[in-house]
């Protein structure tokens, strides 16, 4: 997250009253820890994280999320929203969850059907959110489709990050981005222009 602090501050300032907007496919500990960093840095933000696995969400995300001010959990199929305690902070962390079980296509032939599971609502949800996003994190299921959806949603200032980017299965979607770069072996960043890419990477080990 250290790479993004200068860019997050810059985009939050440029966005005016709405603050930094972050989209994350695949909620998890990153949702909680990265949004906490933004709060500590007093950067106004709205973090929207999407998670298809109800069991994982309820056990590993909900307890911490709903104990903090600005935390909100929305269950899509139940049409139910649960919020954390009221607070005076400038950050909002929203998790949207679907009632699906864990998908593990990487575990072999017995789980191959998991790769073709219908997660259209999960992939397409950001398009109906009516928001522009400054930063997009892709770290859940259907990563190739999420990368392409993120590119469709991106404006000239959006930075898109992919975890586990060394997997060649993702590379066709990564090549669709006009500007991109690996950060180490597993993290990749893409953008609509080299200018945005340089802004997002400014301060990362002294490189632009």
C-alpha atoms as a PDB file:
ATOM      1  CA  UNK A   1       0.000   0.000   0.000  1.00  0.00           C
ATOM      2  CA  UNK A   2       2.993   2.315   0.432  1.00  0.00           C
ATOM      3  CA  UNK A   3       3.186   2.700  -3.346  1.00  0.00           C
ATOM      4  CA  UNK A   4      -0.261   4.262  -3.419  1.00  0.00           C
ATOM      5  CA  UNK A   5      -0.177   6.806  -0.595  1.00  0.00           C
ATOM      6  CA  UNK A   6       0.979   9.772  -2.731  1.00  0.00           C
ATOM      7  CA  UNK A   7      -1.396   8.827  -5.536  1.00  0.00           C
ATOM      8  CA  UNK A   8      -4.283   8.267  -3.112  1.00  0.00           C
ATOM      9  CA  UNK A   9      -3.737  11.683  -1.560  1.00  0.00           C
ATOM     10  CA  UNK A  10      -3.507  13.340  -4.965  1.00  0.00           C
ATOM     11  CA  UNK A  11      -6.648  11.675  -6.316  1.00  0.00           C
ATOM     12  CA  UNK A  12      -8.611  12.358  -3.122  1.00  0.00           C
ATOM     13  CA  UNK A  13      -7.744  16.040  -3.393  1.00  0.00           C
ATOM     14  CA  UNK A  14      -8.544  16.164  -7.095  1.00  0.00           C
ATOM     15  CA  UNK A  15     -11.886  14.435  -6.495  1.00  0.00           C
ATOM     16  CA  UNK A  16     -13.059  17.230  -4.263  1.00  0.00           C
ATOM     17  CA  UNK A  17     -15.859  16.386  -1.862  1.00  0.00           C
ATOM     18  CA  UNK A  18     -16.342  12.743  -2.877  1.00  0.00           C
ATOM     19  CA  UNK A  19     -12.865  11.632  -1.776  1.00  0.00           C
ATOM     20  CA  UNK A  20     -10.894   8.685  -3.106  1.00  0.00           C
ATOM     21  CA  UNK A  21     -12.997   5.898  -4.622  1.00  0.00           C
ATOM     22  CA  UNK A  22     -11.606   2.362  -4.524  1.00  0.00           C
ATOM     23  CA  UNK A  23     -13.135  -0.762  -6.088  1.00  0.00           C
ATOM     24  CA  UNK A  24     -11.978  -4.222  -5.029  1.00  0.00           C
ATOM     25  CA  UNK A  25     -13.040  -7.558  -6.504  1.00  0.00           C
ATOM     26  CA  UNK A  26     -12.358 -10.137  -3.801  1.00  0.00           C
ATOM     27  CA  UNK A  27     -12.813  -8.785  -0.289  1.00  0.00           C
ATOM     28  CA  UNK A  28     -10.462  -9.942   2.449  1.00  0.00           C
ATOM     29  CA  UNK A  29      -7.835  -8.786   4.908  1.00  0.00           C
ATOM     30  CA  UNK A  30      -6.639  -6.280   2.293  1.00  0.00           C
ATOM     31  CA  UNK A  31     -10.057  -4.617   2.461  1.00  0.00           C
ATOM     32  CA  UNK A  32      -9.714  -4.096   6.194  1.00  0.00           C
ATOM     33  CA  UNK A  33      -6.023  -3.240   6.385  1.00  0.00           C
ATOM     34  CA  UNK A  34      -5.751  -0.935   3.364  1.00  0.00           C
ATOM     35  CA  UNK A  35      -8.881   1.028   4.252  1.00  0.00           C
ATOM     36  CA  UNK A  36      -7.539   1.374   7.809  1.00  0.00           C
ATOM     37  CA  UNK A  37      -4.347   2.891   6.371  1.00  0.00           C
ATOM     38  CA  UNK A  38      -6.388   5.454   4.445  1.00  0.00           C
ATOM     39  CA  UNK A  39      -8.232   6.342   7.654  1.00  0.00           C
ATOM     40  CA  UNK A  40      -4.964   6.697   9.560  1.00  0.00           C
ATOM     41  CA  UNK A  41      -3.649   8.992   6.824  1.00  0.00           C
ATOM     42  CA  UNK A  42      -6.871  11.069   7.067  1.00  0.00           C
ATOM     43  CA  UNK A  43      -7.576  10.510   3.366  1.00  0.00           C
ATOM     44  CA  UNK A  44     -11.337  10.692   2.656  1.00  0.00           C
ATOM     45  CA  UNK A  45     -12.461   7.586   0.765  1.00  0.00           C
ATOM     46  CA  UNK A  46     -15.214   5.181  -0.219  1.00  0.00           C
ATOM     47  CA  UNK A  47     -13.934   1.610  -0.480  1.00  0.00           C
ATOM     48  CA  UNK A  48     -16.292  -0.752  -2.324  1.00  0.00           C
ATOM     49  CA  UNK A  49     -15.332  -4.427  -2.023  1.00  0.00           C
ATOM     50  CA  UNK A  50     -17.201  -7.289  -3.715  1.00  0.00           C
ATOM     51  CA  UNK A  51     -17.245 -10.840  -2.321  1.00  0.00           C
ATOM     52  CA  UNK A  52     -19.154 -13.831  -3.675  1.00  0.00           C
ATOM     53  CA  UNK A  53     -18.347 -16.277  -0.808  1.00  0.00           C
ATOM     54  CA  UNK A  54     -20.930 -15.732   1.962  1.00  0.00           C
ATOM     55  CA  UNK A  55     -19.262 -18.070   4.452  1.00  0.00           C
ATOM     56  CA  UNK A  56     -15.876 -16.400   4.125  1.00  0.00           C
ATOM     57  CA  UNK A  57     -17.422 -12.953   4.331  1.00  0.00           C
ATOM     58  CA  UNK A  58     -19.373 -13.736   7.491  1.00  0.00           C
ATOM     59  CA  UNK A  59     -16.473 -15.405   9.276  1.00  0.00           C
ATOM     60  CA  UNK A  60     -13.438 -13.396   8.173  1.00  0.00           C
ATOM     61  CA  UNK A  61     -14.674  -9.929   7.192  1.00  0.00           C
ATOM     62  CA  UNK A  62     -17.963  -9.043   8.872  1.00  0.00           C
ATOM     63  CA  UNK A  63     -16.818  -9.044  12.529  1.00  0.00           C
ATOM     64  CA  UNK A  64     -14.030  -6.516  11.991  1.00  0.00           C
ATOM     65  CA  UNK A  65     -15.871  -4.524   9.322  1.00  0.00           C
ATOM     66  CA  UNK A  66     -18.965  -3.989  11.450  1.00  0.00           C
ATOM     67  CA  UNK A  67     -16.967  -3.020  14.522  1.00  0.00           C
ATOM     68  CA  UNK A  68     -15.567   0.103  12.875  1.00  0.00           C
ATOM     69  CA  UNK A  69     -17.288   3.396  12.102  1.00  0.00           C
ATOM     70  CA  UNK A  70     -18.086   3.711   8.423  1.00  0.00           C
ATOM     71  CA  UNK A  71     -18.300  -0.062   7.898  1.00  0.00           C
ATOM     72  CA  UNK A  72     -21.233  -1.408   5.906  1.00  0.00           C
ATOM     73  CA  UNK A  73     -22.125  -4.900   4.674  1.00  0.00           C
ATOM     74  CA  UNK A  74     -24.806  -5.465   2.047  1.00  0.00           C
ATOM     75  CA  UNK A  75     -26.242  -8.911   1.318  1.00  0.00           C
ATOM     76  CA  UNK A  76     -27.513  -8.783  -2.263  1.00  0.00           C
ATOM     77  CA  UNK A  77     -29.926 -11.735  -2.342  1.00  0.00           C
ATOM     78  CA  UNK A  78     -31.256 -10.983   1.140  1.00  0.00           C
ATOM     79  CA  UNK A  79     -31.751  -7.312   0.251  1.00  0.00           C
ATOM     80  CA  UNK A  80     -30.320  -6.499   3.668  1.00  0.00           C
ATOM     81  CA  UNK A  81     -27.720  -3.994   4.832  1.00  0.00           C
ATOM     82  CA  UNK A  82     -25.876  -4.043   8.169  1.00  0.00           C
ATOM     83  CA  UNK A  83     -23.868  -1.036   9.339  1.00  0.00           C
ATOM     84  CA  UNK A  84     -21.155  -0.489  11.914  1.00  0.00           C
ATOM     85  CA  UNK A  85     -21.319   2.091  14.697  1.00  0.00           C
ATOM     86  CA  UNK A  86     -21.772   5.760  13.783  1.00  0.00           C
ATOM     87  CA  UNK A  87     -18.626   7.839  13.624  1.00  0.00           C
ATOM     88  CA  UNK A  88     -17.197  11.141  12.517  1.00  0.00           C
ATOM     89  CA  UNK A  89     -14.497   9.842  10.163  1.00  0.00           C
ATOM     90  CA  UNK A  90     -14.219  10.653   6.465  1.00  0.00           C
ATOM     91  CA  UNK A  91     -13.909   7.037   5.299  1.00  0.00           C
ATOM     92  CA  UNK A  92     -16.539   4.488   4.284  1.00  0.00           C
ATOM     93  CA  UNK A  93     -15.814   0.778   3.757  1.00  0.00           C
ATOM     94  CA  UNK A  94     -18.654  -1.039   1.992  1.00  0.00           C
ATOM     95  CA  UNK A  95     -18.664  -4.777   1.298  1.00  0.00           C
ATOM     96  CA  UNK A  96     -21.253  -6.250  -1.077  1.00  0.00           C
ATOM     97  CA  UNK A  97     -21.754  -9.998  -0.628  1.00  0.00           C
ATOM     98  CA  UNK A  98     -23.521 -12.729  -2.601  1.00  0.00           C
ATOM     99  CA  UNK A  99     -24.813 -16.063  -1.272  1.00  0.00           C
ATOM    100  CA  UNK A 100     -22.307 -18.356  -2.966  1.00  0.00           C
ATOM    101  CA  UNK A 101     -20.039 -21.068  -1.613  1.00  0.00           C
ATOM    102  CA  UNK A 102     -16.258 -21.088  -2.029  1.00  0.00           C
ATOM    103  CA  UNK A 103     -14.963 -21.796  -5.542  1.00  0.00           C
ATOM    104  CA  UNK A 104     -11.614 -23.599  -5.833  1.00  0.00           C
ATOM    105  CA  UNK A 105     -10.881 -24.425  -9.490  1.00  0.00           C
ATOM    106  CA  UNK A 106      -7.164 -24.626  -8.659  1.00  0.00           C
ATOM    107  CA  UNK A 107      -7.677 -27.827  -6.588  1.00  0.00           C
ATOM    108  CA  UNK A 108      -7.886 -30.180  -9.560  1.00  0.00           C
ATOM    109  CA  UNK A 109     -10.382 -32.075 -11.681  1.00  0.00           C
ATOM    110  CA  UNK A 110     -13.007 -32.428  -8.964  1.00  0.00           C
ATOM    111  CA  UNK A 111     -13.338 -28.638  -8.894  1.00  0.00           C
ATOM    112  CA  UNK A 112     -13.061 -27.840 -12.614  1.00  0.00           C
ATOM    113  CA  UNK A 113     -16.753 -26.884 -12.750  1.00  0.00           C
ATOM    114  CA  UNK A 114     -15.962 -24.036 -10.354  1.00  0.00           C
ATOM    115  CA  UNK A 115     -14.169 -22.210 -13.171  1.00  0.00           C
ATOM    116  CA  UNK A 116     -17.412 -21.891 -15.161  1.00  0.00           C
ATOM    117  CA  UNK A 117     -19.574 -20.835 -12.196  1.00  0.00           C
ATOM    118  CA  UNK A 118     -21.971 -18.003 -12.986  1.00  0.00           C
ATOM    119  CA  UNK A 119     -20.611 -14.908 -11.261  1.00  0.00           C
ATOM    120  CA  UNK A 120     -22.003 -12.392 -13.740  1.00  0.00           C
ATOM    121  CA  UNK A 121     -23.634 -10.279 -11.032  1.00  0.00           C
ATOM    122  CA  UNK A 122     -20.345 -10.103  -9.119  1.00  0.00           C
ATOM    123  CA  UNK A 123     -18.333  -9.109 -12.193  1.00  0.00           C
ATOM    124  CA  UNK A 124     -20.885  -6.643 -13.552  1.00  0.00           C
ATOM    125  CA  UNK A 125     -21.914  -4.970 -10.282  1.00  0.00           C
ATOM    126  CA  UNK A 126     -19.555  -1.953 -10.530  1.00  0.00           C
ATOM    127  CA  UNK A 127     -21.187  -0.912 -13.791  1.00  0.00           C
ATOM    128  CA  UNK A 128     -24.458  -0.351 -11.940  1.00  0.00           C
ATOM    129  CA  UNK A 129     -22.869   1.431  -8.982  1.00  0.00           C
ATOM    130  CA  UNK A 130     -22.941   4.799 -10.737  1.00  0.00           C
ATOM    131  CA  UNK A 131     -19.429   5.662  -9.567  1.00  0.00           C
ATOM    132  CA  UNK A 132     -16.065   6.507 -11.056  1.00  0.00           C
ATOM    133  CA  UNK A 133     -13.132   4.736  -9.432  1.00  0.00           C
ATOM    134  CA  UNK A 134      -9.646   6.085  -8.842  1.00  0.00           C
ATOM    135  CA  UNK A 135      -8.122   2.735  -7.884  1.00  0.00           C
ATOM    136  CA  UNK A 136      -9.296  -0.792  -8.767  1.00  0.00           C
ATOM    137  CA  UNK A 137      -7.927  -3.940  -7.089  1.00  0.00           C
ATOM    138  CA  UNK A 138      -8.505  -7.314  -8.771  1.00  0.00           C
ATOM    139  CA  UNK A 139      -7.904 -10.137  -6.292  1.00  0.00           C
ATOM    140  CA  UNK A 140     -10.886 -12.496  -6.424  1.00  0.00           C
ATOM    141  CA  UNK A 141     -12.495 -14.946  -8.852  1.00  0.00           C
ATOM    142  CA  UNK A 142     -12.994 -14.224 -12.584  1.00  0.00           C
ATOM    143  CA  UNK A 143      -9.937 -11.995 -12.709  1.00  0.00           C
ATOM    144  CA  UNK A 144      -9.653 -11.849 -16.508  1.00  0.00           C
ATOM    145  CA  UNK A 145     -13.243 -10.661 -16.828  1.00  0.00           C
ATOM    146  CA  UNK A 146     -12.796  -8.237 -13.939  1.00  0.00           C
ATOM    147  CA  UNK A 147      -9.719  -6.744 -15.613  1.00  0.00           C
ATOM    148  CA  UNK A 148     -11.664  -6.130 -18.817  1.00  0.00           C
ATOM    149  CA  UNK A 149     -14.633  -4.699 -16.916  1.00  0.00           C
ATOM    150  CA  UNK A 150     -12.275  -2.414 -14.998  1.00  0.00           C
ATOM    151  CA  UNK A 151     -10.817  -1.178 -18.286  1.00  0.00           C
ATOM    152  CA  UNK A 152     -14.310  -0.392 -19.569  1.00  0.00           C
ATOM    153  CA  UNK A 153     -15.059   1.564 -16.383  1.00  0.00           C
ATOM    154  CA  UNK A 154     -11.705   3.331 -16.151  1.00  0.00           C
ATOM    155  CA  UNK A 155     -11.297   7.007 -16.838  1.00  0.00           C
ATOM    156  CA  UNK A 156      -8.006   8.712 -17.653  1.00  0.00           C
ATOM    157  CA  UNK A 157      -6.927   8.756 -13.988  1.00  0.00           C
ATOM    158  CA  UNK A 158      -7.846   5.189 -12.924  1.00  0.00           C
ATOM    159  CA  UNK A 159      -5.108   2.811 -11.759  1.00  0.00           C
ATOM    160  CA  UNK A 160      -5.890  -0.933 -11.869  1.00  0.00           C
ATOM    161  CA  UNK A 161      -3.920  -3.487  -9.838  1.00  0.00           C
ATOM    162  CA  UNK A 162      -3.873  -7.267 -10.243  1.00  0.00           C
ATOM    163  CA  UNK A 163      -2.584  -9.763  -7.678  1.00  0.00           C
ATOM    164  CA  UNK A 164      -0.995 -13.069  -8.781  1.00  0.00           C
ATOM    165  CA  UNK A 165      -0.240 -11.437 -12.116  1.00  0.00           C
ATOM    166  CA  UNK A 166       2.433 -14.003 -13.014  1.00  0.00           C
ATOM    167  CA  UNK A 167      -0.302 -16.460 -14.008  1.00  0.00           C
ATOM    168  CA  UNK A 168      -0.254 -16.562 -17.815  1.00  0.00           C
ATOM    169  CA  UNK A 169      -4.014 -17.156 -17.870  1.00  0.00           C
ATOM    170  CA  UNK A 170      -4.478 -13.457 -17.012  1.00  0.00           C
ATOM    171  CA  UNK A 171      -2.017 -12.044 -19.545  1.00  0.00           C
ATOM    172  CA  UNK A 172      -4.386 -11.646 -22.539  1.00  0.00           C
ATOM    173  CA  UNK A 173      -6.580  -9.305 -20.466  1.00  0.00           C
ATOM    174  CA  UNK A 174      -3.529  -7.472 -19.100  1.00  0.00           C
ATOM    175  CA  UNK A 175      -2.318  -6.768 -22.641  1.00  0.00           C
ATOM    176  CA  UNK A 176      -5.502  -4.822 -23.368  1.00  0.00           C
ATOM    177  CA  UNK A 177      -4.272  -1.953 -21.176  1.00  0.00           C
ATOM    178  CA  UNK A 178      -2.503   0.917 -22.991  1.00  0.00           C
ATOM    179  CA  UNK A 179       0.030   1.269 -20.169  1.00  0.00           C
ATOM    180  CA  UNK A 180       1.154  -1.284 -17.584  1.00  0.00           C
ATOM    181  CA  UNK A 181       4.027  -2.543 -15.480  1.00  0.00           C
ATOM    182  CA  UNK A 182       4.878  -5.305 -13.035  1.00  0.00           C
ATOM    183  CA  UNK A 183       5.691  -4.335  -9.450  1.00  0.00           C
ATOM    184  CA  UNK A 184       7.780  -7.298  -8.352  1.00  0.00           C
ATOM    185  CA  UNK A 185       6.756 -10.756  -9.538  1.00  0.00           C
ATOM    186  CA  UNK A 186       3.098 -10.979  -8.550  1.00  0.00           C
ATOM    187  CA  UNK A 187       1.669  -7.447  -8.569  1.00  0.00           C
ATOM    188  CA  UNK A 188       0.801  -5.674 -11.822  1.00  0.00           C
ATOM    189  CA  UNK A 189      -0.582  -2.208 -12.463  1.00  0.00           C
ATOM    190  CA  UNK A 190      -2.380  -0.974 -15.558  1.00  0.00           C
ATOM    191  CA  UNK A 191      -3.795   2.365 -16.672  1.00  0.00           C
ATOM    192  CA  UNK A 192      -5.201   4.193 -19.676  1.00  0.00           C
ATOM    193  CA  UNK A 193      -2.007   6.211 -20.174  1.00  0.00           C
ATOM    194  CA  UNK A 194       1.669   6.309 -19.270  1.00  0.00           C
ATOM    195  CA  UNK A 195       0.997   9.597 -17.466  1.00  0.00           C
ATOM    196  CA  UNK A 196      -1.463   7.999 -15.060  1.00  0.00           C
ATOM    197  CA  UNK A 197       0.844   5.012 -14.606  1.00  0.00           C
ATOM    198  CA  UNK A 198       3.748   7.298 -13.697  1.00  0.00           C
ATOM    199  CA  UNK A 199       1.570   9.223 -11.224  1.00  0.00           C
ATOM    200  CA  UNK A 200       0.416   6.011  -9.560  1.00  0.00           C
ATOM    201  CA  UNK A 201       3.964   4.699  -9.275  1.00  0.00           C
ATOM    202  CA  UNK A 202       5.550   7.949  -8.069  1.00  0.00           C
ATOM    203  CA  UNK A 203       7.444   7.310  -4.857  1.00  0.00           C
ATOM    204  CA  UNK A 204       7.641   3.534  -5.374  1.00  0.00           C
ATOM    205  CA  UNK A 205      11.303   2.897  -4.474  1.00  0.00           C
ATOM    206  CA  UNK A 206      12.160   6.221  -6.014  1.00  0.00           C
ATOM    207  CA  UNK A 207      10.842   5.280  -9.449  1.00  0.00           C
ATOM    208  CA  UNK A 208       8.292   7.167 -11.503  1.00  0.00           C
END
